[in-house]
């Protein structure tokens, strides 16, 4: 069995944001993963069972590997502005 050093990140996962609901969390996850950052989502199971879409029970926490947390936060704060600026108007 061989290990891929790129897929193993030392340290505990770090919470980089709290999404309002599962849909928002999936969008954040897709955005970060498209920028090469692996993501783990953690939400309340009751929200999926009962279909909560607003409120504290619907919140989903977004975690990334510790070494990539600063990069993930920077990407989330920029909101993909670099990509939007690159497109011609």
PDB file of N, CA and C in Angstrom:
ATOM      1  N   UNK A   1       0.842  -1.172   0.000  1.00  0.00           N
ATOM      2  CA  UNK A   1       0.000   0.000   0.000  1.00  0.00           C
ATOM      3  C   UNK A   1       0.886   1.234   0.000  1.00  0.00           C
ATOM      4  N   UNK A   2       0.643   2.153  -0.899  1.00  0.00           N
ATOM      5  CA  UNK A   2       1.412   3.386  -0.948  1.00  0.00           C
ATOM      6  C   UNK A   2       0.571   4.527  -0.410  1.00  0.00           C
ATOM      7  N   UNK A   3       1.247   5.510   0.170  1.00  0.00           N
ATOM      8  CA  UNK A   3       0.511   6.660   0.668  1.00  0.00           C
ATOM      9  C   UNK A   3       0.811   7.865  -0.202  1.00  0.00           C
ATOM     10  N   UNK A   4      -0.178   8.688  -0.358  1.00  0.00           N
ATOM     11  CA  UNK A   4      -0.037   9.906  -1.139  1.00  0.00           C
ATOM     12  C   UNK A   4       0.127  11.055  -0.154  1.00  0.00           C
ATOM     13  N   UNK A   5       1.332  11.624  -0.057  1.00  0.00           N
ATOM     14  CA  UNK A   5       1.611  12.682   0.912  1.00  0.00           C
ATOM     15  C   UNK A   5       0.735  13.901   0.710  1.00  0.00           C
ATOM     16  N   UNK A   6       0.260  14.138  -0.510  1.00  0.00           N
ATOM     17  CA  UNK A   6      -0.565  15.301  -0.773  1.00  0.00           C
ATOM     18  C   UNK A   6      -1.956  15.164  -0.150  1.00  0.00           C
ATOM     19  N   UNK A   7      -2.435  13.955   0.073  1.00  0.00           N
ATOM     20  CA  UNK A   7      -3.769  13.776   0.621  1.00  0.00           C
ATOM     21  C   UNK A   7      -3.760  13.682   2.145  1.00  0.00           C
ATOM     22  N   UNK A   8      -2.592  13.665   2.766  1.00  0.00           N
ATOM     23  CA  UNK A   8      -2.488  13.571   4.218  1.00  0.00           C
ATOM     24  C   UNK A   8      -2.065  14.928   4.753  1.00  0.00           C
ATOM     25  N   UNK A   9      -2.911  15.518   5.594  1.00  0.00           N
ATOM     26  CA  UNK A   9      -2.623  16.837   6.152  1.00  0.00           C
ATOM     27  C   UNK A   9      -2.521  16.716   7.665  1.00  0.00           C
ATOM     28  N   UNK A  10      -1.378  17.119   8.244  1.00  0.00           N
ATOM     29  CA  UNK A  10      -1.211  17.010   9.694  1.00  0.00           C
ATOM     30  C   UNK A  10      -2.089  18.020  10.432  1.00  0.00           C
ATOM     31  N   UNK A  11      -2.365  17.711  11.659  1.00  0.00           N
ATOM     32  CA  UNK A  11      -3.125  18.631  12.499  1.00  0.00           C
ATOM     33  C   UNK A  11      -4.621  18.391  12.405  1.00  0.00           C
ATOM     34  N   UNK A  12      -5.323  18.954  13.359  1.00  0.00           N
ATOM     35  CA  UNK A  12      -6.783  18.785  13.389  1.00  0.00           C
ATOM     36  C   UNK A  12      -7.459  19.656  12.328  1.00  0.00           C
ATOM     37  N   UNK A  13      -8.668  19.288  11.911  1.00  0.00           N
ATOM     38  CA  UNK A  13      -9.392  20.149  10.973  1.00  0.00           C
ATOM     39  C   UNK A  13      -9.730  21.475  11.655  1.00  0.00           C
ATOM     40  N   UNK A  14      -9.793  22.532  10.864  1.00  0.00           N
ATOM     41  CA  UNK A  14     -10.075  23.870  11.382  1.00  0.00           C
ATOM     42  C   UNK A  14     -11.372  24.369  10.759  1.00  0.00           C
ATOM     43  N   UNK A  15     -12.262  24.904  11.594  1.00  0.00           N
ATOM     44  CA  UNK A  15     -13.512  25.469  11.099  1.00  0.00           C
ATOM     45  C   UNK A  15     -13.222  26.808  10.427  1.00  0.00           C
ATOM     46  N   UNK A  16     -13.622  26.939   9.158  1.00  0.00           N
ATOM     47  CA  UNK A  16     -13.366  28.183   8.435  1.00  0.00           C
ATOM     48  C   UNK A  16     -14.625  29.011   8.229  1.00  0.00           C
ATOM     49  N   UNK A  17     -15.788  28.391   8.342  1.00  0.00           N
ATOM     50  CA  UNK A  17     -17.037  29.153   8.281  1.00  0.00           C
ATOM     51  C   UNK A  17     -18.201  28.289   8.740  1.00  0.00           C
ATOM     52  N   UNK A  18     -19.309  28.970   8.999  1.00  0.00           N
ATOM     53  CA  UNK A  18     -20.551  28.284   9.340  1.00  0.00           C
ATOM     54  C   UNK A  18     -21.572  28.694   8.293  1.00  0.00           C
ATOM     55  N   UNK A  19     -22.039  27.713   7.523  1.00  0.00           N
ATOM     56  CA  UNK A  19     -23.028  27.975   6.482  1.00  0.00           C
ATOM     57  C   UNK A  19     -24.424  27.968   7.102  1.00  0.00           C
ATOM     58  N   UNK A  20     -25.306  28.760   6.550  1.00  0.00           N
ATOM     59  CA  UNK A  20     -26.665  28.883   7.078  1.00  0.00           C
ATOM     60  C   UNK A  20     -27.457  27.588   6.929  1.00  0.00           C
ATOM     61  N   UNK A  21     -27.151  26.810   5.876  1.00  0.00           N
ATOM     62  CA  UNK A  21     -27.870  25.556   5.643  1.00  0.00           C
ATOM     63  C   UNK A  21     -27.031  24.649   4.749  1.00  0.00           C
ATOM     64  N   UNK A  22     -27.555  23.471   4.454  1.00  0.00           N
ATOM     65  CA  UNK A  22     -26.791  22.489   3.681  1.00  0.00           C
ATOM     66  C   UNK A  22     -26.504  22.971   2.265  1.00  0.00           C
ATOM     67  N   UNK A  23     -27.443  23.662   1.650  1.00  0.00           N
ATOM     68  CA  UNK A  23     -27.227  24.156   0.292  1.00  0.00           C
ATOM     69  C   UNK A  23     -26.054  25.128   0.253  1.00  0.00           C
ATOM     70  N   UNK A  24     -26.035  26.067   1.181  1.00  0.00           N
ATOM     71  CA  UNK A  24     -24.925  27.023   1.240  1.00  0.00           C
ATOM     72  C   UNK A  24     -23.604  26.303   1.518  1.00  0.00           C
ATOM     73  N   UNK A  25     -23.639  25.303   2.390  1.00  0.00           N
ATOM     74  CA  UNK A  25     -22.437  24.537   2.718  1.00  0.00           C
ATOM     75  C   UNK A  25     -21.908  23.804   1.492  1.00  0.00           C
ATOM     76  N   UNK A  26     -22.795  23.266   0.677  1.00  0.00           N
ATOM     77  CA  UNK A  26     -22.373  22.557  -0.537  1.00  0.00           C
ATOM     78  C   UNK A  26     -21.730  23.519  -1.534  1.00  0.00           C
ATOM     79  N   UNK A  27     -22.231  24.753  -1.598  1.00  0.00           N
ATOM     80  CA  UNK A  27     -21.652  25.758  -2.493  1.00  0.00           C
ATOM     81  C   UNK A  27     -20.249  26.121  -2.018  1.00  0.00           C
ATOM     82  N   UNK A  28     -20.097  26.337  -0.707  1.00  0.00           N
ATOM     83  CA  UNK A  28     -18.784  26.656  -0.139  1.00  0.00           C
ATOM     84  C   UNK A  28     -17.823  25.495  -0.372  1.00  0.00           C
ATOM     85  N   UNK A  29     -18.302  24.281  -0.146  1.00  0.00           N
ATOM     86  CA  UNK A  29     -17.467  23.093  -0.338  1.00  0.00           C
ATOM     87  C   UNK A  29     -16.996  22.993  -1.787  1.00  0.00           C
ATOM     88  N   UNK A  30     -17.904  23.183  -2.710  1.00  0.00           N
ATOM     89  CA  UNK A  30     -17.551  23.111  -4.130  1.00  0.00           C
ATOM     90  C   UNK A  30     -16.526  24.178  -4.495  1.00  0.00           C
ATOM     91  N   UNK A  31     -16.710  25.399  -3.984  1.00  0.00           N
ATOM     92  CA  UNK A  31     -15.790  26.498  -4.259  1.00  0.00           C
ATOM     93  C   UNK A  31     -14.389  26.186  -3.743  1.00  0.00           C
ATOM     94  N   UNK A  32     -14.308  25.718  -2.498  1.00  0.00           N
ATOM     95  CA  UNK A  32     -12.998  25.418  -1.913  1.00  0.00           C
ATOM     96  C   UNK A  32     -12.339  24.234  -2.613  1.00  0.00           C
ATOM     97  N   UNK A  33     -13.107  23.189  -2.893  1.00  0.00           N
ATOM     98  CA  UNK A  33     -12.539  22.022  -3.559  1.00  0.00           C
ATOM     99  C   UNK A  33     -12.077  22.355  -4.973  1.00  0.00           C
ATOM    100  N   UNK A  34     -12.760  23.284  -5.649  1.00  0.00           N
ATOM    101  CA  UNK A  34     -12.320  23.678  -6.992  1.00  0.00           C
ATOM    102  C   UNK A  34     -11.001  24.451  -6.933  1.00  0.00           C
ATOM    103  N   UNK A  35     -10.652  24.933  -5.733  1.00  0.00           N
ATOM    104  CA  UNK A  35      -9.375  25.614  -5.522  1.00  0.00           C
ATOM    105  C   UNK A  35      -8.358  24.702  -4.833  1.00  0.00           C
ATOM    106  N   UNK A  36      -8.629  23.397  -4.832  1.00  0.00           N
ATOM    107  CA  UNK A  36      -7.680  22.412  -4.329  1.00  0.00           C
ATOM    108  C   UNK A  36      -7.652  22.224  -2.824  1.00  0.00           C
ATOM    109  N   UNK A  37      -8.705  22.642  -2.132  1.00  0.00           N
ATOM    110  CA  UNK A  37      -8.744  22.513  -0.678  1.00  0.00           C
ATOM    111  C   UNK A  37      -9.797  21.467  -0.299  1.00  0.00           C
ATOM    112  N   UNK A  38      -9.388  20.365   0.341  1.00  0.00           N
ATOM    113  CA  UNK A  38     -10.360  19.365   0.764  1.00  0.00           C
ATOM    114  C   UNK A  38     -11.225  19.909   1.897  1.00  0.00           C
ATOM    115  N   UNK A  39     -12.485  19.497   1.923  1.00  0.00           N
ATOM    116  CA  UNK A  39     -13.455  20.033   2.875  1.00  0.00           C
ATOM    117  C   UNK A  39     -14.199  18.916   3.578  1.00  0.00           C
ATOM    118  N   UNK A  40     -14.501  19.161   4.857  1.00  0.00           N
ATOM    119  CA  UNK A  40     -15.362  18.263   5.622  1.00  0.00           C
ATOM    120  C   UNK A  40     -16.506  19.106   6.175  1.00  0.00           C
ATOM    121  N   UNK A  41     -17.736  18.625   6.022  1.00  0.00           N
ATOM    122  CA  UNK A  41     -18.903  19.339   6.528  1.00  0.00           C
ATOM    123  C   UNK A  41     -19.442  18.629   7.757  1.00  0.00           C
ATOM    124  N   UNK A  42     -19.933  19.433   8.711  1.00  0.00           N
ATOM    125  CA  UNK A  42     -20.520  18.860   9.921  1.00  0.00           C
ATOM    126  C   UNK A  42     -21.794  19.628  10.240  1.00  0.00           C
ATOM    127  N   UNK A  43     -22.900  18.922  10.242  1.00  0.00           N
ATOM    128  CA  UNK A  43     -24.178  19.537  10.552  1.00  0.00           C
ATOM    129  C   UNK A  43     -24.993  18.625  11.442  1.00  0.00           C
ATOM    130  N   UNK A  44     -26.097  19.141  11.911  1.00  0.00           N
ATOM    131  CA  UNK A  44     -26.998  18.380  12.769  1.00  0.00           C
ATOM    132  C   UNK A  44     -27.802  17.408  11.912  1.00  0.00           C
ATOM    133  N   UNK A  45     -27.816  16.156  12.271  1.00  0.00           N
ATOM    134  CA  UNK A  45     -28.545  15.149  11.495  1.00  0.00           C
ATOM    135  C   UNK A  45     -30.038  15.459  11.444  1.00  0.00           C
ATOM    136  N   UNK A  46     -30.564  16.095  12.474  1.00  0.00           N
ATOM    137  CA  UNK A  46     -31.989  16.420  12.506  1.00  0.00           C
ATOM    138  C   UNK A  46     -32.376  17.349  11.364  1.00  0.00           C
ATOM    139  N   UNK A  47     -31.448  18.203  10.940  1.00  0.00           N
ATOM    140  CA  UNK A  47     -31.765  19.129   9.844  1.00  0.00           C
ATOM    141  C   UNK A  47     -32.052  18.372   8.559  1.00  0.00           C
ATOM    142  N   UNK A  48     -31.344  17.274   8.347  1.00  0.00           N
ATOM    143  CA  UNK A  48     -31.586  16.471   7.147  1.00  0.00           C
ATOM    144  C   UNK A  48     -32.876  15.660   7.280  1.00  0.00           C
ATOM    145  N   UNK A  49     -33.117  15.138   8.467  1.00  0.00           N
ATOM    146  CA  UNK A  49     -34.304  14.317   8.689  1.00  0.00           C
ATOM    147  C   UNK A  49     -35.569  15.161   8.555  1.00  0.00           C
ATOM    148  N   UNK A  50     -35.562  16.335   9.162  1.00  0.00           N
ATOM    149  CA  UNK A  50     -36.756  17.175   9.183  1.00  0.00           C
ATOM    150  C   UNK A  50     -36.747  18.266   8.119  1.00  0.00           C
ATOM    151  N   UNK A  51     -35.661  18.396   7.392  1.00  0.00           N
ATOM    152  CA  UNK A  51     -35.599  19.347   6.301  1.00  0.00           C
ATOM    153  C   UNK A  51     -35.491  20.799   6.723  1.00  0.00           C
ATOM    154  N   UNK A  52     -34.862  21.053   7.876  1.00  0.00           N
ATOM    155  CA  UNK A  52     -34.681  22.440   8.305  1.00  0.00           C
ATOM    156  C   UNK A  52     -33.816  23.178   7.299  1.00  0.00           C
ATOM    157  N   UNK A  53     -34.214  24.399   6.958  1.00  0.00           N
ATOM    158  CA  UNK A  53     -33.428  25.204   6.034  1.00  0.00           C
ATOM    159  C   UNK A  53     -33.017  26.544   6.625  1.00  0.00           C
ATOM    160  N   UNK A  54     -33.560  26.879   7.799  1.00  0.00           N
ATOM    161  CA  UNK A  54     -33.173  28.112   8.484  1.00  0.00           C
ATOM    162  C   UNK A  54     -33.034  27.835   9.972  1.00  0.00           C
ATOM    163  N   UNK A  55     -32.305  28.700  10.652  1.00  0.00           N
ATOM    164  CA  UNK A  55     -32.146  28.571  12.096  1.00  0.00           C
ATOM    165  C   UNK A  55     -30.919  27.760  12.466  1.00  0.00           C
ATOM    166  N   UNK A  56     -30.658  27.714  13.757  1.00  0.00           N
ATOM    167  CA  UNK A  56     -29.475  27.050  14.281  1.00  0.00           C
ATOM    168  C   UNK A  56     -29.381  25.572  13.937  1.00  0.00           C
ATOM    169  N   UNK A  57     -30.503  24.897  13.861  1.00  0.00           N
ATOM    170  CA  UNK A  57     -30.464  23.462  13.550  1.00  0.00           C
ATOM    171  C   UNK A  57     -30.067  23.203  12.105  1.00  0.00           C
ATOM    172  N   UNK A  58     -30.202  24.197  11.238  1.00  0.00           N
ATOM    173  CA  UNK A  58     -29.862  24.016   9.826  1.00  0.00           C
ATOM    174  C   UNK A  58     -28.401  24.347   9.533  1.00  0.00           C
ATOM    175  N   UNK A  59     -27.703  24.979  10.475  1.00  0.00           N
ATOM    176  CA  UNK A  59     -26.320  25.384  10.248  1.00  0.00           C
ATOM    177  C   UNK A  59     -25.404  24.197   9.970  1.00  0.00           C
ATOM    178  N   UNK A  60     -24.445  24.424   9.087  1.00  0.00           N
ATOM    179  CA  UNK A  60     -23.453  23.412   8.747  1.00  0.00           C
ATOM    180  C   UNK A  60     -22.074  24.042   8.903  1.00  0.00           C
ATOM    181  N   UNK A  61     -21.213  23.385   9.650  1.00  0.00           N
ATOM    182  CA  UNK A  61     -19.859  23.887   9.880  1.00  0.00           C
ATOM    183  C   UNK A  61     -18.939  23.339   8.795  1.00  0.00           C
ATOM    184  N   UNK A  62     -18.070  24.212   8.282  1.00  0.00           N
ATOM    185  CA  UNK A  62     -17.154  23.860   7.193  1.00  0.00           C
ATOM    186  C   UNK A  62     -15.740  23.789   7.763  1.00  0.00           C
ATOM    187  N   UNK A  63     -15.114  22.622   7.628  1.00  0.00           N
ATOM    188  CA  UNK A  63     -13.766  22.393   8.140  1.00  0.00           C
ATOM    189  C   UNK A  63     -12.811  22.092   6.996  1.00  0.00           C
ATOM    190  N   UNK A  64     -11.555  22.529   7.161  1.00  0.00           N
ATOM    191  CA  UNK A  64     -10.488  22.227   6.203  1.00  0.00           C
ATOM    192  C   UNK A  64      -9.262  21.790   6.995  1.00  0.00           C
ATOM    193  N   UNK A  65      -8.283  21.132   6.351  1.00  0.00           N
ATOM    194  CA  UNK A  65      -7.051  20.766   7.051  1.00  0.00           C
ATOM    195  C   UNK A  65      -6.332  22.019   7.569  1.00  0.00           C
ATOM    196  N   UNK A  66      -5.754  21.905   8.740  1.00  0.00           N
ATOM    197  CA  UNK A  66      -5.097  23.037   9.401  1.00  0.00           C
ATOM    198  C   UNK A  66      -4.108  23.793   8.510  1.00  0.00           C
ATOM    199  N   UNK A  67      -3.232  23.104   7.747  1.00  0.00           N
ATOM    200  CA  UNK A  67      -2.267  23.849   6.928  1.00  0.00           C
ATOM    201  C   UNK A  67      -2.912  24.690   5.822  1.00  0.00           C
ATOM    202  N   UNK A  68      -4.158  24.381   5.465  1.00  0.00           N
ATOM    203  CA  UNK A  68      -4.828  25.091   4.375  1.00  0.00           C
ATOM    204  C   UNK A  68      -5.879  26.076   4.866  1.00  0.00           C
ATOM    205  N   UNK A  69      -6.016  26.226   6.187  1.00  0.00           N
ATOM    206  CA  UNK A  69      -7.066  27.076   6.748  1.00  0.00           C
ATOM    207  C   UNK A  69      -6.921  28.536   6.328  1.00  0.00           C
ATOM    208  N   UNK A  70      -5.726  29.080   6.401  1.00  0.00           N
ATOM    209  CA  UNK A  70      -5.518  30.495   6.038  1.00  0.00           C
ATOM    210  C   UNK A  70      -5.872  30.730   4.577  1.00  0.00           C
ATOM    211  N   UNK A  71      -5.477  29.819   3.709  1.00  0.00           N
ATOM    212  CA  UNK A  71      -5.781  29.942   2.284  1.00  0.00           C
ATOM    213  C   UNK A  71      -7.291  29.867   2.059  1.00  0.00           C
ATOM    214  N   UNK A  72      -7.963  28.950   2.756  1.00  0.00           N
ATOM    215  CA  UNK A  72      -9.412  28.805   2.608  1.00  0.00           C
ATOM    216  C   UNK A  72     -10.137  30.059   3.066  1.00  0.00           C
ATOM    217  N   UNK A  73      -9.723  30.616   4.196  1.00  0.00           N
ATOM    218  CA  UNK A  73     -10.355  31.835   4.707  1.00  0.00           C
ATOM    219  C   UNK A  73     -10.153  32.983   3.735  1.00  0.00           C
ATOM    220  N   UNK A  74      -8.944  33.097   3.191  1.00  0.00           N
ATOM    221  CA  UNK A  74      -8.660  34.158   2.219  1.00  0.00           C
ATOM    222  C   UNK A  74      -9.546  34.017   0.984  1.00  0.00           C
ATOM    223  N   UNK A  75      -9.708  32.792   0.493  1.00  0.00           N
ATOM    224  CA  UNK A  75     -10.574  32.561  -0.665  1.00  0.00           C
ATOM    225  C   UNK A  75     -12.021  32.917  -0.353  1.00  0.00           C
ATOM    226  N   UNK A  76     -12.495  32.525   0.821  1.00  0.00           N
ATOM    227  CA  UNK A  76     -13.875  32.816   1.189  1.00  0.00           C
ATOM    228  C   UNK A  76     -14.104  34.314   1.358  1.00  0.00           C
ATOM    229  N   UNK A  77     -13.134  35.002   1.919  1.00  0.00           N
ATOM    230  CA  UNK A  77     -13.272  36.449   2.101  1.00  0.00           C
ATOM    231  C   UNK A  77     -13.245  37.180   0.763  1.00  0.00           C
ATOM    232  N   UNK A  78     -12.456  36.672  -0.193  1.00  0.00           N
ATOM    233  CA  UNK A  78     -12.392  37.310  -1.508  1.00  0.00           C
ATOM    234  C   UNK A  78     -13.651  36.997  -2.312  1.00  0.00           C
ATOM    235  N   UNK A  79     -14.295  35.886  -1.974  1.00  0.00           N
ATOM    236  CA  UNK A  79     -15.523  35.508  -2.665  1.00  0.00           C
ATOM    237  C   UNK A  79     -15.332  35.220  -4.140  1.00  0.00           C
ATOM    238  N   UNK A  80     -14.130  34.838  -4.531  1.00  0.00           N
ATOM    239  CA  UNK A  80     -13.852  34.528  -5.930  1.00  0.00           C
ATOM    240  C   UNK A  80     -13.723  35.775  -6.788  1.00  0.00           C
ATOM    241  N   UNK A  81     -13.416  36.925  -6.180  1.00  0.00           N
ATOM    242  CA  UNK A  81     -13.312  38.188  -6.920  1.00  0.00           C
ATOM    243  C   UNK A  81     -12.249  38.129  -8.007  1.00  0.00           C
ATOM    244  N   UNK A  82     -11.165  37.384  -7.786  1.00  0.00           N
ATOM    245  CA  UNK A  82     -10.111  37.291  -8.793  1.00  0.00           C
ATOM    246  C   UNK A  82     -10.668  36.691 -10.080  1.00  0.00           C
ATOM    247  N   UNK A  83     -11.487  35.661  -9.951  1.00  0.00           N
ATOM    248  CA  UNK A  83     -12.052  35.012 -11.117  1.00  0.00           C
ATOM    249  C   UNK A  83     -13.004  35.939 -11.849  1.00  0.00           C
ATOM    250  N   UNK A  84     -13.814  36.699 -11.125  1.00  0.00           N
ATOM    251  CA  UNK A  84     -14.767  37.613 -11.736  1.00  0.00           C
ATOM    252  C   UNK A  84     -14.057  38.738 -12.478  1.00  0.00           C
ATOM    253  N   UNK A  85     -12.957  39.232 -11.928  1.00  0.00           N
ATOM    254  CA  UNK A  85     -12.218  40.324 -12.553  1.00  0.00           C
ATOM    255  C   UNK A  85     -11.556  39.862 -13.843  1.00  0.00           C
ATOM    256  N   UNK A  86     -11.243  38.575 -13.949  1.00  0.00           N
ATOM    257  CA  UNK A  86     -10.554  38.051 -15.123  1.00  0.00           C
ATOM    258  C   UNK A  86     -11.484  37.970 -16.331  1.00  0.00           C
ATOM    259  N   UNK A  87     -12.801  37.918 -16.102  1.00  0.00           N
ATOM    260  CA  UNK A  87     -13.753  37.807 -17.197  1.00  0.00           C
ATOM    261  C   UNK A  87     -13.946  39.164 -17.863  1.00  0.00           C
ATOM    262  N   UNK A  88     -13.959  39.203 -19.205  1.00  0.00           N
ATOM    263  CA  UNK A  88     -14.200  40.477 -19.900  1.00  0.00           C
ATOM    264  C   UNK A  88     -15.642  40.932 -19.706  1.00  0.00           C
ATOM    265  N   UNK A  89     -15.835  42.246 -19.643  1.00  0.00           N
ATOM    266  CA  UNK A  89     -17.179  42.788 -19.401  1.00  0.00           C
ATOM    267  C   UNK A  89     -17.963  42.925 -20.671  1.00  0.00           C
TER     268      UNK A  89
END
